[in-house]
């Protein structure tokens, strides 16, 4: 078999593989408006870059063929060194592409800002004035996902559902290490980090079951840190809520402390009840009632600190076990006096001893 024939067969195989792999390009054909607009941005950016890449590749092959050693008819100009017209093309076209990409990036960065509330649910369909975004609190655990629905008072593990065409406001954090919340059909990747809160505003426009996962390596169980994202009609969503409420489990603070322990391949779990303020406690690293919350620490610092005596609680081991590390004890505060709201919006009645 000749070399040319082998090359042709390889090219046909690669082309067939590329065509077949594109049968379901979810990133470029998603079910959510935000993801769709992000996919369009990828296409536009790629086309703009191909304006330079394709001609350069074509001309490289043409020049290699045209000026091969065996072609004695090719023009030979050893003293040629400059062409104003060619310089304008070489520098002008890339410059215009960079300007276009910069403008598109600037506009899309603001329009697709994950913290920005949605102004539409799809092209030509603004958000109805009477529709309130659904809030979902997301906690990346080791190695599973916890979803809390504060309006409904329920929580789930490795499964979530939202109504179709209703804006969703995600509040995202993590329990121990950084992870990435990613549902390709919904929107782009958003990082969740311990002690920090990120946000995502998005909407799903088609009913279906979609994959969600962590896109940031976070340890041994990372490969199985996946969940199912359900887009449902309003009626189906309400039935799903009722099904979760039928569970006998409650997500108390004690239950959360057990849940956050590392585990792999965690099955779907439902919690019919959730302790009030659990997400804020996770965010402020004080689900354990013995620990002082981060926002309380910041309020104390803003009020002048505790002095040298206040450093002693730092040596307190968690639950009496020095292997679990030191923490700031909640005993450094009492609840007799009210701290001004400007110090911490979530602290009521805190006084430094």
Foldseek 3Di string as FASTA:
>chain_A
DDPVVVVVVVVVVVVVVVVVVVPCPCQCVFQWAQSVVVNVLVVVLVVLVCVPVVVVVVVVVVCCVQPPPVPPPRDDDPPDDDDPVVVCVVPVSVVVSVVVNVVSCVVCCVQSVFVDAAQARHVPGGDDPPADAFEWEWECFQDWIKIARVVQQKIKIQEDEDEASHKHKYKAAYQAAKWWKDFSNWHHIDIHYALDIDIGIIGGHDFDKTKIATPDDDDDQRVQHIHIYGYHHPVVVVVVSVVLLPDPAAAALVNVVVVRPHDHPDDMDMHNHYDPPCSVCRNQVPSPVQADGNLVQQLCVVVPHQPPVQCVQQCPCDVNDPVRHGGRTPVQWDQQQADDCVSDVPDGRTDGD
